[in-house]
Amino acid sequence: MNPARMVAIIFTAVVVLYPLSVGPAVRMNPQPGKAVIAFYGPLRWLVLHQVPFAGDAVLWYANLWTPSHEY
């Protein structure tokens, strides 16, 4: 496979999978440590600065993964 194409595939996968991974991270780490907070810092920044659409989308997606407390 062409090296440039491989780099493009890896870059695309990272760009897609990084934001999608915040959901499982929320589910597995209800009390995240500093490393998790630092890793997701860019997405957290989008939410805290209320970036139109992007911040709302991250928050919406993370909330889908929040364990419900229904009894």
N, C-alpha and C. Protein backbone atom coordinates (compact mmCIF):
# COMPACT_ATOMS: atom_id res chain seq x y z
N MET A 1 0.85 -1.18 0.00
CA MET A 1 0.00 0.00 0.00
C MET A 1 0.90 1.24 0.00
N ASN A 2 0.45 2.24 -0.68
CA ASN A 2 1.16 3.51 -0.77
C ASN A 2 1.28 4.14 0.62
N PRO A 3 2.49 4.59 1.03
CA PRO A 3 2.65 5.18 2.38
C PRO A 3 1.79 6.41 2.61
N ALA A 4 1.61 7.23 1.60
CA ALA A 4 0.77 8.42 1.76
C ALA A 4 -0.69 8.02 2.00
N ARG A 5 -1.12 6.99 1.33
CA ARG A 5 -2.50 6.52 1.53
C ARG A 5 -2.67 5.93 2.94
N MET A 6 -1.66 5.22 3.40
CA MET A 6 -1.70 4.64 4.74
C MET A 6 -1.78 5.75 5.80
N VAL A 7 -1.00 6.80 5.62
CA VAL A 7 -1.03 7.94 6.55
C VAL A 7 -2.42 8.59 6.53
N ALA A 8 -2.99 8.73 5.36
CA ALA A 8 -4.33 9.32 5.23
C ALA A 8 -5.38 8.46 5.94
N ILE A 9 -5.27 7.15 5.81
CA ILE A 9 -6.22 6.25 6.47
C ILE A 9 -6.08 6.34 7.98
N ILE A 10 -4.84 6.33 8.47
CA ILE A 10 -4.61 6.43 9.92
C ILE A 10 -5.11 7.77 10.45
N PHE A 11 -4.82 8.86 9.75
CA PHE A 11 -5.27 10.19 10.17
C PHE A 11 -6.79 10.23 10.23
N THR A 12 -7.45 9.71 9.22
CA THR A 12 -8.91 9.71 9.19
C THR A 12 -9.48 8.88 10.34
N ALA A 13 -8.87 7.73 10.60
CA ALA A 13 -9.34 6.89 11.70
C ALA A 13 -9.20 7.60 13.03
N VAL A 14 -8.09 8.29 13.24
CA VAL A 14 -7.88 9.01 14.50
C VAL A 14 -8.89 10.14 14.64
N VAL A 15 -9.11 10.87 13.57
CA VAL A 15 -10.05 12.00 13.62
C VAL A 15 -11.47 11.52 13.91
N VAL A 16 -11.82 10.35 13.44
CA VAL A 16 -13.16 9.81 13.67
C VAL A 16 -13.24 9.12 15.04
N LEU A 17 -12.26 8.29 15.36
CA LEU A 17 -12.33 7.48 16.57
C LEU A 17 -12.07 8.27 17.85
N TYR A 18 -11.23 9.30 17.79
CA TYR A 18 -10.94 10.08 19.01
C TYR A 18 -12.21 10.67 19.62
N PRO A 19 -13.01 11.43 18.88
CA PRO A 19 -14.23 11.95 19.51
C PRO A 19 -15.24 10.86 19.88
N LEU A 20 -15.29 9.78 19.11
CA LEU A 20 -16.23 8.71 19.44
C LEU A 20 -15.81 7.95 20.70
N SER A 21 -14.53 7.98 21.02
CA SER A 21 -14.05 7.25 22.20
C SER A 21 -14.43 7.92 23.51
N VAL A 22 -14.89 9.17 23.46
CA VAL A 22 -15.26 9.86 24.69
C VAL A 22 -16.47 9.18 25.34
N GLY A 23 -17.35 8.61 24.56
CA GLY A 23 -18.52 7.93 25.12
C GLY A 23 -18.15 6.75 26.00
N PRO A 24 -17.40 5.78 25.46
CA PRO A 24 -16.97 4.68 26.32
C PRO A 24 -16.11 5.14 27.51
N ALA A 25 -15.33 6.19 27.33
CA ALA A 25 -14.53 6.71 28.44
C ALA A 25 -15.42 7.23 29.55
N VAL A 26 -16.50 7.88 29.19
CA VAL A 26 -17.46 8.37 30.19
C VAL A 26 -18.08 7.19 30.93
N ARG A 27 -18.41 6.15 30.20
CA ARG A 27 -19.05 4.97 30.80
C ARG A 27 -18.10 4.25 31.76
N MET A 28 -16.83 4.12 31.36
CA MET A 28 -15.88 3.35 32.17
C MET A 28 -15.26 4.16 33.30
N ASN A 29 -15.27 5.49 33.19
CA ASN A 29 -14.61 6.34 34.18
C ASN A 29 -15.56 7.41 34.71
N PRO A 30 -16.52 7.05 35.56
CA PRO A 30 -17.44 8.06 36.07
C PRO A 30 -16.72 9.15 36.88
N GLN A 31 -15.59 8.80 37.48
CA GLN A 31 -14.75 9.77 38.20
C GLN A 31 -13.39 9.77 37.52
N PRO A 32 -13.25 10.46 36.37
CA PRO A 32 -12.01 10.36 35.60
C PRO A 32 -10.82 10.98 36.33
N GLY A 33 -9.66 10.40 36.11
CA GLY A 33 -8.43 10.93 36.67
C GLY A 33 -7.86 12.04 35.79
N LYS A 34 -6.74 12.56 36.21
CA LYS A 34 -6.11 13.67 35.47
C LYS A 34 -5.70 13.27 34.06
N ALA A 35 -5.25 12.03 33.89
CA ALA A 35 -4.81 11.58 32.57
C ALA A 35 -5.98 11.55 31.59
N VAL A 36 -7.13 11.08 32.03
CA VAL A 36 -8.31 11.01 31.16
C VAL A 36 -8.77 12.43 30.82
N ILE A 37 -8.78 13.30 31.82
CA ILE A 37 -9.19 14.69 31.59
C ILE A 37 -8.23 15.37 30.62
N ALA A 38 -6.93 15.12 30.77
CA ALA A 38 -5.95 15.71 29.86
C ALA A 38 -6.10 15.17 28.44
N PHE A 39 -6.33 13.86 28.32
CA PHE A 39 -6.47 13.24 27.00
C PHE A 39 -7.65 13.83 26.23
N TYR A 40 -8.74 14.05 26.95
CA TYR A 40 -9.94 14.60 26.30
C TYR A 40 -10.04 16.12 26.45
N GLY A 41 -8.94 16.76 26.79
CA GLY A 41 -8.90 18.21 26.95
C GLY A 41 -9.45 18.99 25.77
N PRO A 42 -9.06 18.64 24.54
CA PRO A 42 -9.60 19.39 23.39
C PRO A 42 -11.13 19.30 23.28
N LEU A 43 -11.68 18.12 23.55
CA LEU A 43 -13.14 17.98 23.49
C LEU A 43 -13.79 18.72 24.65
N ARG A 44 -13.16 18.67 25.82
CA ARG A 44 -13.66 19.40 26.99
C ARG A 44 -13.67 20.91 26.71
N TRP A 45 -12.63 21.38 26.03
CA TRP A 45 -12.53 22.80 25.69
C TRP A 45 -13.71 23.21 24.81
N LEU A 46 -14.06 22.36 23.84
CA LEU A 46 -15.21 22.66 22.97
C LEU A 46 -16.49 22.84 23.78
N VAL A 47 -16.68 21.98 24.77
CA VAL A 47 -17.89 22.05 25.60
C VAL A 47 -17.84 23.28 26.50
N LEU A 48 -16.72 23.49 27.18
CA LEU A 48 -16.62 24.60 28.14
C LEU A 48 -16.74 25.97 27.46
N HIS A 49 -16.26 26.06 26.23
CA HIS A 49 -16.33 27.34 25.50
C HIS A 49 -17.57 27.44 24.62
N GLN A 50 -18.46 26.48 24.78
CA GLN A 50 -19.75 26.47 24.08
C GLN A 50 -19.59 26.75 22.58
N VAL A 51 -18.66 26.02 21.97
CA VAL A 51 -18.44 26.15 20.53
C VAL A 51 -19.71 25.66 19.83
N PRO A 52 -20.28 26.50 18.96
CA PRO A 52 -21.53 26.11 18.30
C PRO A 52 -21.41 24.76 17.61
N PHE A 53 -22.41 23.98 17.73
CA PHE A 53 -22.56 22.63 17.21
C PHE A 53 -21.55 21.65 17.80
N ALA A 54 -20.26 21.92 17.71
CA ALA A 54 -19.25 20.95 18.16
C ALA A 54 -19.36 20.68 19.66
N GLY A 55 -19.44 21.73 20.46
CA GLY A 55 -19.56 21.55 21.91
C GLY A 55 -20.84 20.84 22.28
N ASP A 56 -21.92 21.24 21.63
CA ASP A 56 -23.22 20.59 21.90
C ASP A 56 -23.19 19.12 21.48
N ALA A 57 -22.55 18.82 20.35
CA ALA A 57 -22.49 17.45 19.87
C ALA A 57 -21.69 16.56 20.82
N VAL A 58 -20.56 17.08 21.31
CA VAL A 58 -19.74 16.30 22.25
C VAL A 58 -20.52 16.04 23.53
N LEU A 59 -21.16 17.06 24.05
CA LEU A 59 -21.93 16.91 25.28
C LEU A 59 -23.09 15.94 25.10
N TRP A 60 -23.80 16.05 24.00
CA TRP A 60 -24.91 15.14 23.70
C TRP A 60 -24.43 13.70 23.64
N TYR A 61 -23.33 13.47 22.91
CA TYR A 61 -22.82 12.12 22.74
C TYR A 61 -22.32 11.55 24.07
N ALA A 62 -21.63 12.35 24.85
CA ALA A 62 -21.14 11.87 26.15
C ALA A 62 -22.31 11.52 27.06
N ASN A 63 -23.37 12.31 27.01
CA ASN A 63 -24.54 12.03 27.84
C ASN A 63 -25.26 10.74 27.44
N LEU A 64 -25.14 10.34 26.18
CA LEU A 64 -25.72 9.06 25.76
C LEU A 64 -25.06 7.90 26.50
N TRP A 65 -23.81 8.06 26.87
CA TRP A 65 -23.04 7.00 27.51
C TRP A 65 -23.07 7.08 29.03
N THR A 66 -23.64 8.13 29.57
CA THR A 66 -23.70 8.27 31.02
C THR A 66 -24.64 7.21 31.58
N PRO A 67 -24.15 6.42 32.54
CA PRO A 67 -25.03 5.39 33.10
C PRO A 67 -26.27 6.02 33.74
N SER A 68 -27.41 5.44 33.42
CA SER A 68 -28.63 5.96 34.02
C SER A 68 -28.74 5.47 35.45
N HIS A 69 -29.39 6.22 36.26
CA HIS A 69 -29.57 5.88 37.66
C HIS A 69 -31.02 5.51 37.95
N GLU A 70 -31.62 4.79 37.00
CA GLU A 70 -33.00 4.36 37.19
C GLU A 70 -33.03 3.13 38.09
N TYR A 71 -33.95 3.11 39.01
CA TYR A 71 -34.07 1.97 39.93
C TYR A 71 -35.41 1.32 39.77
